[in-house]
Amino acid sequence: MTTDAGPLHPYWPRHLKLDSFVPNEHPGWHLVAGLFSASGVLVVTTWLLSGRAAVVPLGTWRRLSLCWFAVCGFIHLVIEGWFSLYHKDLLGDQAFLSQLWKEYAKGDSRYILADNFTVCMETVTAFLWGPLSLWVVIAFLRHQPLRFVLQFVVSMGQMYGDVLYFLTEYRDGFQHGELGHPLYFWFYFVFLNALWLVVPGVLVLDSVKQFTHAQCVLDAKATKAKSKQN
């Protein structure tokens, strides 16, 4: 939708024609506050649960990591799952999650253009990393042997998707948002997505440390058993 004065939408590039666009009913801060409030409730709930329901007592660092995976499960399954299912209807829809995506798209319009990479990447994230994130929480609470394998796989998957997300937009010349905008570019596009590079990176290193320790223990036992045989 355009007029002689310019496009009647907030998205980039500015020449986009979005005839089905309906402006959000809620202000941006309301939508973002709703997302952070729900995430905060999940963090508190998971923190309390990890202190009471864990088979083996967990330290502060481990409990915080479970809070992270609980929030990941929520964001992947609910927020990104919504995008995966309803990306074709976002522009004209006024459901809360559709408005949330229309707000985020001010920093990356690929989300209201149904960009092929974005749809595929978010679908994998929603229906693979979402359930597996929740499994990580359960695995640590139940002290399952697979817990660090799951943590490694999910964190690597998150990092890989995020790297592709940034690189594809870089190769497009950052044309889907206002480059340098303090809110839409630096906060929405850069900061919020960079979290899925930094935190998973730390968790990958944590998993590698656990794998290395376990292998050292196995090697030591094998060496000891061989010495006894000799």
C-alpha atoms as a PDB file:
ATOM      1  CA  MET A   1       0.000   0.000   0.000  1.00  0.00           C
ATOM      2  CA  THR A   2       1.508   3.310  -1.057  1.00  0.00           C
ATOM      3  CA  THR A   3       0.565   6.944  -1.521  1.00  0.00           C
ATOM      4  CA  ASP A   4       2.245   9.867  -3.224  1.00  0.00           C
ATOM      5  CA  ALA A   5       3.842  10.659   0.137  1.00  0.00           C
ATOM      6  CA  GLY A   6       5.340   7.195   0.462  1.00  0.00           C
ATOM      7  CA  PRO A   7       4.463   3.708   1.663  1.00  0.00           C
ATOM      8  CA  LEU A   8       1.831   3.250   4.369  1.00  0.00           C
ATOM      9  CA  HIS A   9       3.904   0.725   6.274  1.00  0.00           C
ATOM     10  CA  PRO A  10       7.044   0.842   8.456  1.00  0.00           C
ATOM     11  CA  TYR A  11       9.087  -1.793   6.629  1.00  0.00           C
ATOM     12  CA  TRP A  12      12.249  -1.817   4.538  1.00  0.00           C
ATOM     13  CA  PRO A  13      13.074  -1.540   1.708  1.00  0.00           C
ATOM     14  CA  ARG A  14      10.693   1.401   1.541  1.00  0.00           C
ATOM     15  CA  HIS A  15       9.460   0.591  -1.969  1.00  0.00           C
ATOM     16  CA  LEU A  16       7.723  -2.577  -0.771  1.00  0.00           C
ATOM     17  CA  LYS A  17       4.058  -2.798  -1.750  1.00  0.00           C
ATOM     18  CA  LEU A  18       2.114  -4.435   1.068  1.00  0.00           C
ATOM     19  CA  ASP A  19      -1.521  -3.983   0.155  1.00  0.00           C
ATOM     20  CA  SER A  20      -2.802  -6.339   2.862  1.00  0.00           C
ATOM     21  CA  PHE A  21      -0.914  -4.606   5.688  1.00  0.00           C
ATOM     22  CA  VAL A  22      -2.989  -3.680   8.745  1.00  0.00           C
ATOM     23  CA  PRO A  23      -1.237  -1.557  11.422  1.00  0.00           C
ATOM     24  CA  ASN A  24      -0.891  -3.110  14.867  1.00  0.00           C
ATOM     25  CA  GLU A  25      -3.496  -2.306  17.494  1.00  0.00           C
ATOM     26  CA  HIS A  26      -0.930  -2.542  20.295  1.00  0.00           C
ATOM     27  CA  PRO A  27       2.144  -0.289  20.634  1.00  0.00           C
ATOM     28  CA  GLY A  28       5.521  -1.938  20.233  1.00  0.00           C
ATOM     29  CA  TRP A  29       6.473  -1.638  23.903  1.00  0.00           C
ATOM     30  CA  HIS A  30       3.267  -3.464  24.869  1.00  0.00           C
ATOM     31  CA  LEU A  31       4.096  -6.392  22.595  1.00  0.00           C
ATOM     32  CA  VAL A  32       7.732  -6.631  23.710  1.00  0.00           C
ATOM     33  CA  ALA A  33       6.723  -6.299  27.376  1.00  0.00           C
ATOM     34  CA  GLY A  34       4.295  -9.180  26.932  1.00  0.00           C
ATOM     35  CA  LEU A  35       7.031 -11.398  25.504  1.00  0.00           C
ATOM     36  CA  PHE A  36       9.511 -10.543  28.250  1.00  0.00           C
ATOM     37  CA  SER A  37       6.865 -10.963  30.962  1.00  0.00           C
ATOM     38  CA  ALA A  38       5.984 -14.463  29.776  1.00  0.00           C
ATOM     39  CA  SER A  39       9.691 -15.325  29.572  1.00  0.00           C
ATOM     40  CA  GLY A  40      10.219 -13.971  33.090  1.00  0.00           C
ATOM     41  CA  VAL A  41       7.436 -16.151  34.486  1.00  0.00           C
ATOM     42  CA  LEU A  42       9.045 -19.171  32.809  1.00  0.00           C
ATOM     43  CA  VAL A  43      12.451 -18.323  34.271  1.00  0.00           C
ATOM     44  CA  VAL A  44      11.059 -18.071  37.815  1.00  0.00           C
ATOM     45  CA  THR A  45       8.989 -21.252  37.420  1.00  0.00           C
ATOM     46  CA  THR A  46      11.904 -23.252  36.030  1.00  0.00           C
ATOM     47  CA  TRP A  47      14.255 -21.933  38.716  1.00  0.00           C
ATOM     48  CA  LEU A  48      11.880 -23.080  41.458  1.00  0.00           C
ATOM     49  CA  LEU A  49      11.219 -26.407  39.731  1.00  0.00           C
ATOM     50  CA  SER A  50      14.918 -27.124  39.262  1.00  0.00           C
ATOM     51  CA  GLY A  51      15.449 -26.681  42.993  1.00  0.00           C
ATOM     52  CA  ARG A  52      12.672 -29.079  43.996  1.00  0.00           C
ATOM     53  CA  ALA A  53      12.195 -31.653  41.249  1.00  0.00           C
ATOM     54  CA  ALA A  54      15.796 -32.515  40.351  1.00  0.00           C
ATOM     55  CA  VAL A  55      16.825 -36.087  41.167  1.00  0.00           C
ATOM     56  CA  VAL A  56      20.354 -34.846  41.915  1.00  0.00           C
ATOM     57  CA  PRO A  57      20.867 -31.349  43.395  1.00  0.00           C
ATOM     58  CA  LEU A  58      21.832 -28.854  40.701  1.00  0.00           C
ATOM     59  CA  GLY A  59      24.167 -25.889  41.087  1.00  0.00           C
ATOM     60  CA  THR A  60      23.317 -22.292  40.293  1.00  0.00           C
ATOM     61  CA  TRP A  61      24.919 -22.400  36.833  1.00  0.00           C
ATOM     62  CA  ARG A  62      23.043 -25.565  35.866  1.00  0.00           C
ATOM     63  CA  ARG A  63      19.723 -24.209  37.094  1.00  0.00           C
ATOM     64  CA  LEU A  64      20.242 -21.023  35.084  1.00  0.00           C
ATOM     65  CA  SER A  65      20.996 -23.082  31.986  1.00  0.00           C
ATOM     66  CA  LEU A  66      17.704 -24.944  32.469  1.00  0.00           C
ATOM     67  CA  CYS A  67      15.898 -21.600  32.699  1.00  0.00           C
ATOM     68  CA  TRP A  68      17.480 -20.717  29.362  1.00  0.00           C
ATOM     69  CA  PHE A  69      16.294 -23.947  27.732  1.00  0.00           C
ATOM     70  CA  ALA A  70      12.790 -23.519  29.141  1.00  0.00           C
ATOM     71  CA  VAL A  71      12.581 -20.037  27.583  1.00  0.00           C
ATOM     72  CA  CYS A  72      14.023 -21.457  24.347  1.00  0.00           C
ATOM     73  CA  GLY A  73      11.335 -24.131  24.296  1.00  0.00           C
ATOM     74  CA  PHE A  74       8.642 -21.486  24.729  1.00  0.00           C
ATOM     75  CA  ILE A  75      10.033 -19.111  22.108  1.00  0.00           C
ATOM     76  CA  HIS A  76      10.772 -21.855  19.588  1.00  0.00           C
ATOM     77  CA  LEU A  77       7.495 -23.734  19.941  1.00  0.00           C
ATOM     78  CA  VAL A  78       5.030 -20.907  20.565  1.00  0.00           C
ATOM     79  CA  ILE A  79       6.483 -17.727  19.036  1.00  0.00           C
ATOM     80  CA  GLU A  80       8.410 -19.223  16.124  1.00  0.00           C
ATOM     81  CA  GLY A  81       5.871 -22.012  15.732  1.00  0.00           C
ATOM     82  CA  TRP A  82       3.212 -19.347  15.175  1.00  0.00           C
ATOM     83  CA  PHE A  83       5.328 -17.768  12.461  1.00  0.00           C
ATOM     84  CA  SER A  84       5.901 -21.128  10.795  1.00  0.00           C
ATOM     85  CA  LEU A  85       2.179 -21.859  10.669  1.00  0.00           C
ATOM     86  CA  TYR A  86       0.777 -18.388   9.938  1.00  0.00           C
ATOM     87  CA  HIS A  87       3.525 -16.505   8.077  1.00  0.00           C
ATOM     88  CA  LYS A  88       1.241 -15.990   5.062  1.00  0.00           C
ATOM     89  CA  ASP A  89      -1.401 -14.219   7.186  1.00  0.00           C
ATOM     90  CA  LEU A  90       0.746 -11.970   9.399  1.00  0.00           C
ATOM     91  CA  LEU A  91       0.298  -8.691   7.497  1.00  0.00           C
ATOM     92  CA  GLY A  92      -3.443  -8.482   7.978  1.00  0.00           C
ATOM     93  CA  ASP A  93      -3.825 -10.428  11.218  1.00  0.00           C
ATOM     94  CA  GLN A  94      -4.323  -8.823  14.629  1.00  0.00           C
ATOM     95  CA  ALA A  95      -3.680 -11.809  16.895  1.00  0.00           C
ATOM     96  CA  PHE A  96      -1.154 -10.909  19.597  1.00  0.00           C
ATOM     97  CA  LEU A  97       1.583 -13.133  18.164  1.00  0.00           C
ATOM     98  CA  SER A  98       0.990 -11.845  14.642  1.00  0.00           C
ATOM     99  CA  GLN A  99       1.323  -8.289  15.925  1.00  0.00           C
ATOM    100  CA  LEU A 100       4.506  -9.312  17.728  1.00  0.00           C
ATOM    101  CA  TRP A 101       5.985 -10.560  14.457  1.00  0.00           C
ATOM    102  CA  LYS A 102       4.863  -7.423  12.599  1.00  0.00           C
ATOM    103  CA  GLU A 103       6.659  -5.382  15.245  1.00  0.00           C
ATOM    104  CA  TYR A 104       9.836  -7.468  14.986  1.00  0.00           C
ATOM    105  CA  ALA A 105       9.696  -7.254  11.184  1.00  0.00           C
ATOM    106  CA  LYS A 106      10.482  -3.535  11.487  1.00  0.00           C
ATOM    107  CA  GLY A 107      14.032  -4.772  12.014  1.00  0.00           C
ATOM    108  CA  ASP A 108      13.841  -7.587   9.454  1.00  0.00           C
ATOM    109  CA  SER A 109      11.065  -7.454   6.862  1.00  0.00           C
ATOM    110  CA  ARG A 110      11.815 -10.987   5.693  1.00  0.00           C
ATOM    111  CA  TYR A 111       9.300 -12.059   8.312  1.00  0.00           C
ATOM    112  CA  ILE A 112       6.381 -10.358   6.607  1.00  0.00           C
ATOM    113  CA  LEU A 113       7.612 -11.250   3.107  1.00  0.00           C
ATOM    114  CA  ALA A 114       7.500 -15.010   3.800  1.00  0.00           C
ATOM    115  CA  ASP A 115      11.143 -15.259   2.724  1.00  0.00           C
ATOM    116  CA  ASN A 116      11.969 -18.890   1.863  1.00  0.00           C
ATOM    117  CA  PHE A 117      15.049 -19.130   4.072  1.00  0.00           C
ATOM    118  CA  THR A 118      13.318 -17.519   7.039  1.00  0.00           C
ATOM    119  CA  VAL A 119      10.268 -19.772   6.818  1.00  0.00           C
ATOM    120  CA  CYS A 120      12.392 -22.935   6.500  1.00  0.00           C
ATOM    121  CA  MET A 121      14.800 -21.905   9.262  1.00  0.00           C
ATOM    122  CA  GLU A 122      12.025 -20.973  11.687  1.00  0.00           C
ATOM    123  CA  THR A 123      10.100 -24.171  10.945  1.00  0.00           C
ATOM    124  CA  VAL A 124      13.126 -26.321  11.790  1.00  0.00           C
ATOM    125  CA  THR A 125      13.754 -24.219  14.894  1.00  0.00           C
ATOM    126  CA  ALA A 126      10.155 -24.472  16.076  1.00  0.00           C
ATOM    127  CA  PHE A 127       9.514 -28.161  15.577  1.00  0.00           C
ATOM    128  CA  LEU A 128      12.984 -29.582  16.197  1.00  0.00           C
ATOM    129  CA  TRP A 129      14.865 -27.343  18.624  1.00  0.00           C
ATOM    130  CA  GLY A 130      11.658 -26.435  20.484  1.00  0.00           C
ATOM    131  CA  PRO A 131      10.768 -29.932  21.731  1.00  0.00           C
ATOM    132  CA  LEU A 132      14.432 -30.836  22.214  1.00  0.00           C
ATOM    133  CA  SER A 133      14.927 -27.743  24.410  1.00  0.00           C
ATOM    134  CA  LEU A 134      12.186 -29.003  26.706  1.00  0.00           C
ATOM    135  CA  TRP A 135      13.760 -32.469  26.664  1.00  0.00           C
ATOM    136  CA  VAL A 136      17.033 -30.903  27.850  1.00  0.00           C
ATOM    137  CA  VAL A 137      15.205 -29.530  30.907  1.00  0.00           C
ATOM    138  CA  ILE A 138      13.641 -32.916  31.653  1.00  0.00           C
ATOM    139  CA  ALA A 139      16.908 -34.760  31.025  1.00  0.00           C
ATOM    140  CA  PHE A 140      18.795 -32.682  33.596  1.00  0.00           C
ATOM    141  CA  LEU A 141      16.002 -32.865  36.147  1.00  0.00           C
ATOM    142  CA  ARG A 142      15.859 -36.658  35.774  1.00  0.00           C
ATOM    143  CA  HIS A 143      19.668 -36.974  35.490  1.00  0.00           C
ATOM    144  CA  GLN A 144      19.414 -38.817  32.171  1.00  0.00           C
ATOM    145  CA  PRO A 145      22.700 -39.945  30.543  1.00  0.00           C
ATOM    146  CA  LEU A 146      21.778 -38.122  27.302  1.00  0.00           C
ATOM    147  CA  ARG A 147      21.538 -34.716  28.982  1.00  0.00           C
ATOM    148  CA  PHE A 148      24.833 -33.252  27.728  1.00  0.00           C
ATOM    149  CA  VAL A 149      24.401 -34.770  24.277  1.00  0.00           C
ATOM    150  CA  LEU A 150      21.014 -33.059  24.006  1.00  0.00           C
ATOM    151  CA  GLN A 151      22.469 -29.788  25.264  1.00  0.00           C
ATOM    152  CA  PHE A 152      25.230 -29.983  22.662  1.00  0.00           C
ATOM    153  CA  VAL A 153      22.918 -30.844  19.761  1.00  0.00           C
ATOM    154  CA  VAL A 154      20.362 -28.126  20.535  1.00  0.00           C
ATOM    155  CA  SER A 155      22.998 -25.459  21.141  1.00  0.00           C
ATOM    156  CA  MET A 156      24.884 -26.298  17.944  1.00  0.00           C
ATOM    157  CA  GLY A 157      21.626 -26.222  15.982  1.00  0.00           C
ATOM    158  CA  GLN A 158      20.725 -22.831  17.408  1.00  0.00           C
ATOM    159  CA  MET A 159      24.143 -21.402  16.592  1.00  0.00           C
ATOM    160  CA  TYR A 160      24.129 -22.800  13.063  1.00  0.00           C
ATOM    161  CA  GLY A 161      20.709 -21.335  12.290  1.00  0.00           C
ATOM    162  CA  ASP A 162      21.699 -17.982  13.765  1.00  0.00           C
ATOM    163  CA  VAL A 163      24.920 -17.802  11.758  1.00  0.00           C
ATOM    164  CA  LEU A 164      22.972 -18.457   8.556  1.00  0.00           C
ATOM    165  CA  TYR A 165      20.366 -15.893   9.598  1.00  0.00           C
ATOM    166  CA  PHE A 166      22.975 -13.155   9.995  1.00  0.00           C
ATOM    167  CA  LEU A 167      25.026 -14.144   6.946  1.00  0.00           C
ATOM    168  CA  THR A 168      22.081 -14.260   4.540  1.00  0.00           C
ATOM    169  CA  GLU A 169      21.029 -10.761   5.568  1.00  0.00           C
ATOM    170  CA  TYR A 170      24.620  -9.563   5.318  1.00  0.00           C
ATOM    171  CA  ARG A 171      24.813 -10.894   1.747  1.00  0.00           C
ATOM    172  CA  ASP A 172      21.536  -9.099   0.992  1.00  0.00           C
ATOM    173  CA  GLY A 173      23.158  -5.834   2.093  1.00  0.00           C
ATOM    174  CA  PHE A 174      21.029  -5.425   5.255  1.00  0.00           C
ATOM    175  CA  GLN A 175      18.216  -4.210   3.017  1.00  0.00           C
ATOM    176  CA  HIS A 176      15.361  -5.568   5.150  1.00  0.00           C
ATOM    177  CA  GLY A 177      15.690  -3.054   7.959  1.00  0.00           C
ATOM    178  CA  GLU A 178      16.917   0.434   8.720  1.00  0.00           C
ATOM    179  CA  LEU A 179      20.656  -0.100   9.165  1.00  0.00           C
ATOM    180  CA  GLY A 180      21.890   1.422  12.417  1.00  0.00           C
ATOM    181  CA  HIS A 181      18.469   2.133  13.951  1.00  0.00           C
ATOM    182  CA  PRO A 182      18.933   1.893  17.744  1.00  0.00           C
ATOM    183  CA  LEU A 183      15.778  -0.146  18.383  1.00  0.00           C
ATOM    184  CA  TYR A 184      14.947  -2.011  15.192  1.00  0.00           C
ATOM    185  CA  PHE A 185      18.475  -2.803  14.037  1.00  0.00           C
ATOM    186  CA  TRP A 186      20.629  -2.929  17.172  1.00  0.00           C
ATOM    187  CA  PHE A 187      18.090  -4.305  19.634  1.00  0.00           C
ATOM    188  CA  TYR A 188      15.640  -6.359  17.564  1.00  0.00           C
ATOM    189  CA  PHE A 189      17.958  -7.633  14.834  1.00  0.00           C
ATOM    190  CA  VAL A 190      21.414  -7.705  16.431  1.00  0.00           C
ATOM    191  CA  PHE A 191      21.036  -8.061  20.205  1.00  0.00           C
ATOM    192  CA  LEU A 192      18.068 -10.427  20.422  1.00  0.00           C
ATOM    193  CA  ASN A 193      19.566 -12.765  17.839  1.00  0.00           C
ATOM    194  CA  ALA A 194      23.122 -12.528  19.188  1.00  0.00           C
ATOM    195  CA  LEU A 195      21.853 -14.139  22.391  1.00  0.00           C
ATOM    196  CA  TRP A 196      21.496 -17.359  20.404  1.00  0.00           C
ATOM    197  CA  LEU A 197      25.184 -17.206  19.524  1.00  0.00           C
ATOM    198  CA  VAL A 198      26.645 -16.283  22.908  1.00  0.00           C
ATOM    199  CA  VAL A 199      24.639 -18.489  25.288  1.00  0.00           C
ATOM    200  CA  PRO A 200      24.642 -21.618  23.082  1.00  0.00           C
ATOM    201  CA  GLY A 201      28.367 -21.069  22.508  1.00  0.00           C
ATOM    202  CA  VAL A 202      28.985 -21.255  26.249  1.00  0.00           C
ATOM    203  CA  LEU A 203      26.767 -24.345  26.519  1.00  0.00           C
ATOM    204  CA  VAL A 204      28.606 -26.063  23.650  1.00  0.00           C
ATOM    205  CA  LEU A 205      31.898 -25.522  25.496  1.00  0.00           C
ATOM    206  CA  ASP A 206      30.286 -26.863  28.667  1.00  0.00           C
ATOM    207  CA  SER A 207      29.166 -30.005  26.814  1.00  0.00           C
ATOM    208  CA  VAL A 208      32.595 -30.514  25.242  1.00  0.00           C
ATOM    209  CA  LYS A 209      34.146 -30.250  28.708  1.00  0.00           C
ATOM    210  CA  GLN A 210      31.779 -32.945  29.992  1.00  0.00           C
ATOM    211  CA  PHE A 211      32.451 -35.197  26.979  1.00  0.00           C
ATOM    212  CA  THR A 212      36.202 -34.808  27.433  1.00  0.00           C
ATOM    213  CA  HIS A 213      36.004 -35.659  31.123  1.00  0.00           C
ATOM    214  CA  ALA A 214      33.849 -38.718  30.443  1.00  0.00           C
ATOM    215  CA  GLN A 215      36.255 -39.931  27.749  1.00  0.00           C
ATOM    216  CA  CYS A 216      39.230 -39.461  30.084  1.00  0.00           C
ATOM    217  CA  VAL A 217      37.487 -41.570  32.727  1.00  0.00           C
ATOM    218  CA  LEU A 218      36.750 -44.318  30.188  1.00  0.00           C
ATOM    219  CA  ASP A 219      40.319 -44.235  28.868  1.00  0.00           C
ATOM    220  CA  ALA A 220      41.704 -44.475  32.401  1.00  0.00           C
ATOM    221  CA  LYS A 221      39.498 -47.494  33.157  1.00  0.00           C
ATOM    222  CA  ALA A 222      40.529 -49.168  29.908  1.00  0.00           C
ATOM    223  CA  THR A 223      44.199 -48.576  30.675  1.00  0.00           C
ATOM    224  CA  LYS A 224      43.778 -49.890  34.214  1.00  0.00           C
ATOM    225  CA  ALA A 225      41.952 -53.026  32.988  1.00  0.00           C
ATOM    226  CA  LYS A 226      44.674 -53.658  30.398  1.00  0.00           C
ATOM    227  CA  SER A 227      47.381 -53.320  33.055  1.00  0.00           C
ATOM    228  CA  LYS A 228      45.669 -55.895  35.241  1.00  0.00           C
ATOM    229  CA  GLN A 229      45.504 -58.338  32.319  1.00  0.00           C
ATOM    230  CA  ASN A 230      49.220 -57.972  31.752  1.00  0.00           C
END
